Amino acid sequence: MYRVLIVDDDVELTELLREFLEPEGFAVETLHDGVSCLRVNLETKDLVVLDVMLPAVSGFEVLKQLRQRSDIPVIMLTARDGDVDRIVGLEIGADDYVSKPVNPRELVARIRAVLRRMSPTKEKPIGELAVGEIRLNPASRNAWAGEQRLDLTTAEFNLLQYLLRNAGQIVTRDELSAAAFGRKHQANADRNVDTLVSKVRRKLGPGTDMDDRIKTVRNVGYLYALPPLPGTADE
């Protein structure tokens, strides 16, 4: 899960972007001034979205100082028209530029593109996961039930991936919330996870290898059941 830091003095905008990015699988932290950004431990972040027009210390100055100690990917935001800001930012060390008003979908696409380009090792290509007839490819983010490809949202895919990785083990709702939405302790977390699990169950269908793949563990969470070994199924 990628960790994104958004630095912008527009509180309403940062919260809007958080609400859009977190369901897309990003863990988001927001700050509202450049000084606070410079105090952040960048080892705990994967990418910074940085506004040019910040109070006290401009985004350009923040970027200069960040570049003295880190090569973390940075996407600049600006409300000003023209190429000057974009050129200056790129020369200082920005990896991409997005103009305001920000289209959240465009920002997500640019974040993913920068992360792929700048940090290919963080893509963590992993072999296909398979439990019974359910298969999932983390690299392509595709999943199948038998030969049928599943139409999963980002959060549904993240949740199913976590369950498959921990098949046969009980996982808590907090763990599933963190995997699916990028955060553990949130309002209505249990309800959101339960709703998401119900949606994934419906999309997986009844199957042939087990009656109930995702089992509810009362007052704890869920368990993705391992299929019975050949010859051990009940008669």
C-alpha atoms as a PDB file:
ATOM      1  CA  MET A   1       0.000   0.000   0.000  1.00  0.00           C
ATOM      2  CA  TYR A   2       1.476   3.337  -1.057  1.00  0.00           C
ATOM      3  CA  ARG A   3       1.729   6.189   1.455  1.00  0.00           C
ATOM      4  CA  VAL A   4       1.014   9.624   0.011  1.00  0.00           C
ATOM      5  CA  LEU A   5       1.633  12.967   1.733  1.00  0.00           C
ATOM      6  CA  ILE A   6      -0.511  15.871   0.475  1.00  0.00           C
ATOM      7  CA  VAL A   7       0.726  19.369   1.368  1.00  0.00           C
ATOM      8  CA  ASP A   8      -1.744  22.165   0.578  1.00  0.00           C
ATOM      9  CA  ASP A   9      -3.155  25.029   2.663  1.00  0.00           C
ATOM     10  CA  ASP A  10      -6.621  24.403   1.195  1.00  0.00           C
ATOM     11  CA  VAL A  11      -8.039  22.131   3.914  1.00  0.00           C
ATOM     12  CA  GLU A  12     -11.217  21.397   1.985  1.00  0.00           C
ATOM     13  CA  LEU A  13      -9.211  20.277  -1.045  1.00  0.00           C
ATOM     14  CA  THR A  14      -6.889  18.033   0.961  1.00  0.00           C
ATOM     15  CA  GLU A  15      -9.855  16.293   2.576  1.00  0.00           C
ATOM     16  CA  LEU A  16     -11.531  15.878  -0.808  1.00  0.00           C
ATOM     17  CA  LEU A  17      -8.384  14.282  -2.198  1.00  0.00           C
ATOM     18  CA  ARG A  18      -8.058  12.055   0.866  1.00  0.00           C
ATOM     19  CA  GLU A  19     -11.628  10.828   0.453  1.00  0.00           C
ATOM     20  CA  PHE A  20     -10.932   9.997  -3.183  1.00  0.00           C
ATOM     21  CA  LEU A  21      -7.460   8.453  -2.776  1.00  0.00           C
ATOM     22  CA  GLU A  22      -8.069   6.197   0.219  1.00  0.00           C
ATOM     23  CA  PRO A  23     -10.705   4.002  -1.498  1.00  0.00           C
ATOM     24  CA  GLU A  24      -8.184   3.684  -4.361  1.00  0.00           C
ATOM     25  CA  GLY A  25      -5.806   1.935  -1.965  1.00  0.00           C
ATOM     26  CA  PHE A  26      -3.559   4.795  -0.827  1.00  0.00           C
ATOM     27  CA  ALA A  27      -2.712   5.669   2.772  1.00  0.00           C
ATOM     28  CA  VAL A  28      -2.999   9.468   2.922  1.00  0.00           C
ATOM     29  CA  GLU A  29      -1.574  12.067   5.317  1.00  0.00           C
ATOM     30  CA  THR A  30      -2.319  15.772   4.887  1.00  0.00           C
ATOM     31  CA  LEU A  31      -0.389  18.874   5.969  1.00  0.00           C
ATOM     32  CA  HIS A  32      -1.146  22.541   5.356  1.00  0.00           C
ATOM     33  CA  ASP A  33       2.201  24.357   5.362  1.00  0.00           C
ATOM     34  CA  GLY A  34       5.715  23.843   4.061  1.00  0.00           C
ATOM     35  CA  VAL A  35       7.460  23.954   7.436  1.00  0.00           C
ATOM     36  CA  SER A  36       5.486  20.934   8.645  1.00  0.00           C
ATOM     37  CA  CYS A  37       6.358  19.088   5.452  1.00  0.00           C
ATOM     38  CA  LEU A  38      10.067  19.640   6.011  1.00  0.00           C
ATOM     39  CA  ARG A  39       9.797  18.012   9.434  1.00  0.00           C
ATOM     40  CA  VAL A  40       8.288  14.793   8.083  1.00  0.00           C
ATOM     41  CA  ASN A  41      10.316  11.579   8.048  1.00  0.00           C
ATOM     42  CA  LEU A  42      10.279  10.875   4.322  1.00  0.00           C
ATOM     43  CA  GLU A  43      11.279   7.259   4.911  1.00  0.00           C
ATOM     44  CA  THR A  44       7.662   6.690   5.945  1.00  0.00           C
ATOM     45  CA  LYS A  45       6.241   8.107   2.691  1.00  0.00           C
ATOM     46  CA  ASP A  46       6.232   6.955  -0.943  1.00  0.00           C
ATOM     47  CA  LEU A  47       5.180  10.169  -2.709  1.00  0.00           C
ATOM     48  CA  VAL A  48       4.478  13.844  -1.948  1.00  0.00           C
ATOM     49  CA  VAL A  49       1.768  15.970  -3.585  1.00  0.00           C
ATOM     50  CA  LEU A  50       3.018  19.528  -3.001  1.00  0.00           C
ATOM     51  CA  ASP A  51       1.203  22.820  -3.619  1.00  0.00           C
ATOM     52  CA  VAL A  52       3.258  25.721  -5.004  1.00  0.00           C
ATOM     53  CA  MET A  53       1.396  28.469  -3.126  1.00  0.00           C
ATOM     54  CA  LEU A  54       2.025  27.612   0.526  1.00  0.00           C
ATOM     55  CA  PRO A  55       2.094  30.082   3.426  1.00  0.00           C
ATOM     56  CA  ALA A  56       5.497  31.222   4.803  1.00  0.00           C
ATOM     57  CA  VAL A  57       7.581  28.784   2.747  1.00  0.00           C
ATOM     58  CA  SER A  58       6.661  28.257  -0.906  1.00  0.00           C
ATOM     59  CA  GLY A  59       6.311  24.862  -2.482  1.00  0.00           C
ATOM     60  CA  PHE A  60       9.360  25.576  -4.644  1.00  0.00           C
ATOM     61  CA  GLU A  61      11.500  26.227  -1.559  1.00  0.00           C
ATOM     62  CA  VAL A  62      10.127  23.107   0.130  1.00  0.00           C
ATOM     63  CA  LEU A  63      10.987  21.068  -2.966  1.00  0.00           C
ATOM     64  CA  LYS A  64      14.542  22.459  -3.028  1.00  0.00           C
ATOM     65  CA  GLN A  65      15.086  21.405   0.560  1.00  0.00           C
ATOM     66  CA  LEU A  66      13.474  18.005   0.057  1.00  0.00           C
ATOM     67  CA  ARG A  67      15.779  17.335  -2.865  1.00  0.00           C
ATOM     68  CA  GLN A  68      18.815  17.964  -0.664  1.00  0.00           C
ATOM     69  CA  ARG A  69      17.965  14.914   1.399  1.00  0.00           C
ATOM     70  CA  SER A  70      15.630  12.677  -0.597  1.00  0.00           C
ATOM     71  CA  ASP A  71      14.695  11.491  -4.078  1.00  0.00           C
ATOM     72  CA  ILE A  72      11.096  10.806  -3.044  1.00  0.00           C
ATOM     73  CA  PRO A  73       8.701  11.354  -5.985  1.00  0.00           C
ATOM     74  CA  VAL A  74       7.002  14.778  -5.856  1.00  0.00           C
ATOM     75  CA  ILE A  75       3.982  15.961  -7.841  1.00  0.00           C
ATOM     76  CA  MET A  76       3.477  19.735  -7.769  1.00  0.00           C
ATOM     77  CA  LEU A  77       0.075  21.472  -7.719  1.00  0.00           C
ATOM     78  CA  THR A  78      -0.473  25.016  -8.992  1.00  0.00           C
ATOM     79  CA  ALA A  79      -3.457  27.290  -9.510  1.00  0.00           C
ATOM     80  CA  ARG A  80      -1.505  29.606 -11.804  1.00  0.00           C
ATOM     81  CA  ASP A  81      -1.689  29.339 -15.573  1.00  0.00           C
ATOM     82  CA  GLY A  82       1.271  29.232 -17.892  1.00  0.00           C
ATOM     83  CA  ASP A  83       4.379  27.130 -18.290  1.00  0.00           C
ATOM     84  CA  VAL A  84       6.732  29.063 -15.997  1.00  0.00           C
ATOM     85  CA  ASP A  85       5.755  27.300 -12.745  1.00  0.00           C
ATOM     86  CA  ARG A  86       5.805  23.927 -14.430  1.00  0.00           C
ATOM     87  CA  ILE A  87       9.250  24.476 -15.938  1.00  0.00           C
ATOM     88  CA  VAL A  88      10.708  25.854 -12.713  1.00  0.00           C
ATOM     89  CA  GLY A  89       9.269  22.978 -10.690  1.00  0.00           C
ATOM     90  CA  LEU A  90      10.597  20.350 -13.068  1.00  0.00           C
ATOM     91  CA  GLU A  91      14.028  21.989 -13.119  1.00  0.00           C
ATOM     92  CA  ILE A  92      14.143  22.010  -9.320  1.00  0.00           C
ATOM     93  CA  GLY A  93      13.275  18.336  -9.199  1.00  0.00           C
ATOM     94  CA  ALA A  94       9.505  17.783  -9.431  1.00  0.00           C
ATOM     95  CA  ASP A  95       8.503  14.520 -11.087  1.00  0.00           C
ATOM     96  CA  ASP A  96       5.194  15.766 -12.462  1.00  0.00           C
ATOM     97  CA  TYR A  97       2.831  18.727 -12.392  1.00  0.00           C
ATOM     98  CA  VAL A  98      -0.962  18.999 -12.016  1.00  0.00           C
ATOM     99  CA  SER A  99      -2.903  22.234 -12.460  1.00  0.00           C
ATOM    100  CA  LYS A 100      -5.774  23.344 -10.239  1.00  0.00           C
ATOM    101  CA  PRO A 101      -8.667  22.822 -10.094  1.00  0.00           C
ATOM    102  CA  VAL A 102      -7.492  19.261  -9.558  1.00  0.00           C
ATOM    103  CA  ASN A 103      -9.328  16.381 -11.179  1.00  0.00           C
ATOM    104  CA  PRO A 104      -8.947  13.606  -8.557  1.00  0.00           C
ATOM    105  CA  ARG A 105      -9.002  10.870 -11.194  1.00  0.00           C
ATOM    106  CA  GLU A 106      -6.199  12.555 -13.098  1.00  0.00           C
ATOM    107  CA  LEU A 107      -4.205  12.915  -9.896  1.00  0.00           C
ATOM    108  CA  VAL A 108      -4.598   9.189  -9.136  1.00  0.00           C
ATOM    109  CA  ALA A 109      -3.449   8.322 -12.656  1.00  0.00           C
ATOM    110  CA  ARG A 110      -0.429  10.608 -12.381  1.00  0.00           C
ATOM    111  CA  ILE A 111       0.483   9.256  -8.942  1.00  0.00           C
ATOM    112  CA  ARG A 112       0.394   5.686 -10.234  1.00  0.00           C
ATOM    113  CA  ALA A 113       2.409   6.645 -13.322  1.00  0.00           C
ATOM    114  CA  VAL A 114       5.087   8.423 -11.272  1.00  0.00           C
ATOM    115  CA  LEU A 115       5.361   5.521  -8.829  1.00  0.00           C
ATOM    116  CA  ARG A 116       5.753   3.056 -11.683  1.00  0.00           C
ATOM    117  CA  ARG A 117       8.342   5.230 -13.386  1.00  0.00           C
ATOM    118  CA  MET A 118      10.347   6.343 -10.372  1.00  0.00           C
ATOM    119  CA  SER A 119      10.050   3.386  -8.034  1.00  0.00           C
ATOM    120  CA  PRO A 120       9.593   0.214 -10.076  1.00  0.00           C
ATOM    121  CA  THR A 121      10.844  -1.946  -7.202  1.00  0.00           C
ATOM    122  CA  LYS A 122       7.931  -0.756  -5.085  1.00  0.00           C
ATOM    123  CA  GLU A 123       5.509  -2.375  -7.482  1.00  0.00           C
ATOM    124  CA  LYS A 124       6.573  -5.649  -5.854  1.00  0.00           C
ATOM    125  CA  PRO A 125       5.643  -7.998  -8.672  1.00  0.00           C
ATOM    126  CA  ILE A 126       4.457 -11.161  -7.003  1.00  0.00           C
ATOM    127  CA  GLY A 127       3.417 -14.484  -8.405  1.00  0.00           C
ATOM    128  CA  GLU A 128      -0.223 -15.382  -8.837  1.00  0.00           C
ATOM    129  CA  LEU A 129      -2.164 -16.243  -5.689  1.00  0.00           C
ATOM    130  CA  ALA A 130      -4.518 -19.205  -5.844  1.00  0.00           C
ATOM    131  CA  VAL A 131      -6.747 -20.779  -3.210  1.00  0.00           C
ATOM    132  CA  GLY A 132      -8.991 -23.433  -4.656  1.00  0.00           C
ATOM    133  CA  GLU A 133     -10.582 -22.101  -7.821  1.00  0.00           C
ATOM    134  CA  ILE A 134     -10.036 -18.450  -6.900  1.00  0.00           C
ATOM    135  CA  ARG A 135      -6.966 -16.923  -8.556  1.00  0.00           C
ATOM    136  CA  LEU A 136      -5.561 -13.435  -8.228  1.00  0.00           C
ATOM    137  CA  ASN A 137      -2.683 -11.688  -9.991  1.00  0.00           C
ATOM    138  CA  PRO A 138      -1.275  -8.799  -7.893  1.00  0.00           C
ATOM    139  CA  ALA A 139       0.765  -7.376 -10.770  1.00  0.00           C
ATOM    140  CA  SER A 140      -2.117  -7.034 -13.242  1.00  0.00           C
ATOM    141  CA  ARG A 141      -4.717  -6.672 -10.450  1.00  0.00           C
ATOM    142  CA  ASN A 142      -6.968  -9.230 -12.081  1.00  0.00           C
ATOM    143  CA  ALA A 143      -8.870 -11.992 -10.316  1.00  0.00           C
ATOM    144  CA  TRP A 144     -10.771 -15.049 -11.507  1.00  0.00           C
ATOM    145  CA  ALA A 145     -13.261 -17.577 -10.154  1.00  0.00           C
ATOM    146  CA  GLY A 146     -12.432 -20.592 -12.260  1.00  0.00           C
ATOM    147  CA  GLU A 147     -12.292 -19.209 -15.789  1.00  0.00           C
ATOM    148  CA  GLN A 148     -14.552 -16.240 -15.063  1.00  0.00           C
ATOM    149  CA  ARG A 149     -12.811 -12.933 -14.564  1.00  0.00           C
ATOM    150  CA  LEU A 150     -14.109 -11.000 -11.564  1.00  0.00           C
ATOM    151  CA  ASP A 151     -15.126  -7.355 -11.787  1.00  0.00           C
ATOM    152  CA  LEU A 152     -13.692  -5.989  -8.515  1.00  0.00           C
ATOM    153  CA  THR A 153     -13.298  -2.438  -7.269  1.00  0.00           C
ATOM    154  CA  THR A 154      -9.924  -1.378  -5.873  1.00  0.00           C
ATOM    155  CA  ALA A 155     -11.062  -1.890  -2.281  1.00  0.00           C
ATOM    156  CA  GLU A 156     -12.632  -5.278  -3.096  1.00  0.00           C
ATOM    157  CA  PHE A 157      -9.443  -6.434  -4.814  1.00  0.00           C
ATOM    158  CA  ASN A 158      -7.301  -5.279  -1.864  1.00  0.00           C
ATOM    159  CA  LEU A 159      -9.530  -7.093   0.604  1.00  0.00           C
ATOM    160  CA  LEU A 160      -9.589 -10.323  -1.405  1.00  0.00           C
ATOM    161  CA  GLN A 161      -5.817 -10.206  -1.847  1.00  0.00           C
ATOM    162  CA  TYR A 162      -5.310  -9.873   1.912  1.00  0.00           C
ATOM    163  CA  LEU A 163      -7.679 -12.746   2.608  1.00  0.00           C
ATOM    164  CA  LEU A 164      -5.959 -15.021   0.104  1.00  0.00           C
ATOM    165  CA  ARG A 165      -2.520 -14.196   1.484  1.00  0.00           C
ATOM    166  CA  ASN A 166      -3.787 -15.180   4.917  1.00  0.00           C
ATOM    167  CA  ALA A 167      -5.979 -18.092   3.856  1.00  0.00           C
ATOM    168  CA  GLY A 168      -6.651 -20.456   6.739  1.00  0.00           C
ATOM    169  CA  GLN A 169      -5.977 -17.741   9.322  1.00  0.00           C
ATOM    170  CA  ILE A 170      -8.377 -15.446  11.170  1.00  0.00           C
ATOM    171  CA  VAL A 171      -7.952 -11.778  10.239  1.00  0.00           C
ATOM    172  CA  THR A 172      -9.553  -8.927  12.153  1.00  0.00           C
ATOM    173  CA  ARG A 173     -11.784  -6.227  10.763  1.00  0.00           C
ATOM    174  CA  ASP A 174      -9.087  -3.666  11.546  1.00  0.00           C
ATOM    175  CA  GLU A 175      -6.610  -5.598   9.402  1.00  0.00           C
ATOM    176  CA  LEU A 176      -9.099  -5.817   6.557  1.00  0.00           C
ATOM    177  CA  SER A 177      -9.935  -2.117   6.855  1.00  0.00           C
ATOM    178  CA  ALA A 178      -6.239  -1.255   6.604  1.00  0.00           C
ATOM    179  CA  ALA A 179      -5.803  -3.560   3.603  1.00  0.00           C
ATOM    180  CA  ALA A 180      -8.898  -2.370   1.754  1.00  0.00           C
ATOM    181  CA  PHE A 181      -9.059   1.314   2.623  1.00  0.00           C
ATOM    182  CA  GLY A 182      -5.590   2.201   3.916  1.00  0.00           C
ATOM    183  CA  ARG A 183      -6.655   2.900   7.484  1.00  0.00           C
ATOM    184  CA  LYS A 184      -7.544   0.869  10.567  1.00  0.00           C
ATOM    185  CA  HIS A 185      -9.392   2.906  13.148  1.00  0.00           C
ATOM    186  CA  GLN A 186     -12.076   4.844  11.308  1.00  0.00           C
ATOM    187  CA  ALA A 187     -15.698   5.682  11.878  1.00  0.00           C
ATOM    188  CA  ASN A 188     -17.986   2.781  10.923  1.00  0.00           C
ATOM    189  CA  ALA A 189     -14.947   0.606  10.119  1.00  0.00           C
ATOM    190  CA  ASP A 190     -16.689  -2.648  11.068  1.00  0.00           C
ATOM    191  CA  ARG A 191     -19.765  -1.796   9.018  1.00  0.00           C
ATOM    192  CA  ASN A 192     -17.675  -0.789   5.988  1.00  0.00           C
ATOM    193  CA  VAL A 193     -15.662  -4.013   6.133  1.00  0.00           C
ATOM    194  CA  ASP A 194     -18.775  -6.169   6.587  1.00  0.00           C
ATOM    195  CA  THR A 195     -20.397  -4.484   3.591  1.00  0.00           C
ATOM    196  CA  LEU A 196     -17.284  -4.987   1.485  1.00  0.00           C
ATOM    197  CA  VAL A 197     -17.009  -8.657   2.467  1.00  0.00           C
ATOM    198  CA  SER A 198     -20.642  -9.180   1.465  1.00  0.00           C
ATOM    199  CA  LYS A 199     -19.962  -7.664  -1.951  1.00  0.00           C
ATOM    200  CA  VAL A 200     -16.876  -9.844  -2.475  1.00  0.00           C
ATOM    201  CA  ARG A 201     -18.801 -12.959  -1.426  1.00  0.00           C
ATOM    202  CA  ARG A 202     -21.490 -12.233  -4.011  1.00  0.00           C
ATOM    203  CA  LYS A 203     -18.916 -11.708  -6.754  1.00  0.00           C
ATOM    204  CA  LEU A 204     -17.051 -14.907  -5.905  1.00  0.00           C
ATOM    205  CA  GLY A 205     -20.280 -16.886  -6.185  1.00  0.00           C
ATOM    206  CA  PRO A 206     -21.035 -20.251  -4.551  1.00  0.00           C
ATOM    207  CA  GLY A 207     -18.138 -22.019  -6.262  1.00  0.00           C
ATOM    208  CA  THR A 208     -17.396 -25.730  -6.394  1.00  0.00           C
ATOM    209  CA  ASP A 209     -14.528 -26.115  -3.938  1.00  0.00           C
ATOM    210  CA  MET A 210     -16.319 -24.921  -0.755  1.00  0.00           C
ATOM    211  CA  ASP A 211     -19.730 -23.710   0.296  1.00  0.00           C
ATOM    212  CA  ASP A 212     -18.559 -20.566   2.078  1.00  0.00           C
ATOM    213  CA  ARG A 213     -15.086 -19.353   1.208  1.00  0.00           C
ATOM    214  CA  ILE A 214     -15.123 -16.307   3.493  1.00  0.00           C
ATOM    215  CA  LYS A 215     -16.272 -17.424   6.938  1.00  0.00           C
ATOM    216  CA  THR A 216     -17.375 -15.007   9.651  1.00  0.00           C
ATOM    217  CA  VAL A 217     -15.611 -15.352  12.996  1.00  0.00           C
ATOM    218  CA  ARG A 218     -18.012 -13.777  15.456  1.00  0.00           C
ATOM    219  CA  ASN A 219     -16.738 -10.699  17.328  1.00  0.00           C
ATOM    220  CA  VAL A 220     -13.330 -11.008  15.657  1.00  0.00           C
ATOM    221  CA  GLY A 221     -13.307 -10.851  11.873  1.00  0.00           C
ATOM    222  CA  TYR A 222     -13.126 -13.292   8.995  1.00  0.00           C
ATOM    223  CA  LEU A 223     -11.295 -16.360   7.737  1.00  0.00           C
ATOM    224  CA  TYR A 224     -10.767 -17.381   4.138  1.00  0.00           C
ATOM    225  CA  ALA A 225     -11.252 -21.148   4.257  1.00  0.00           C
ATOM    226  CA  LEU A 226      -8.736 -23.460   2.678  1.00  0.00           C
ATOM    227  CA  PRO A 227     -10.307 -26.042   0.362  1.00  0.00           C
ATOM    228  CA  PRO A 228     -10.322 -29.618   1.689  1.00  0.00           C
ATOM    229  CA  LEU A 229      -7.411 -31.801   0.695  1.00  0.00           C
ATOM    230  CA  PRO A 230      -8.199 -34.520  -1.874  1.00  0.00           C
ATOM    231  CA  GLY A 231      -9.717 -37.521  -0.166  1.00  0.00           C
ATOM    232  CA  THR A 232     -10.557 -35.677   3.055  1.00  0.00           C
ATOM    233  CA  ALA A 233     -13.915 -34.179   2.098  1.00  0.00           C
ATOM    234  CA  ASP A 234     -16.923 -35.354   4.055  1.00  0.00           C
ATOM    235  CA  GLU A 235     -18.697 -38.305   2.506  1.00  0.00           C
END
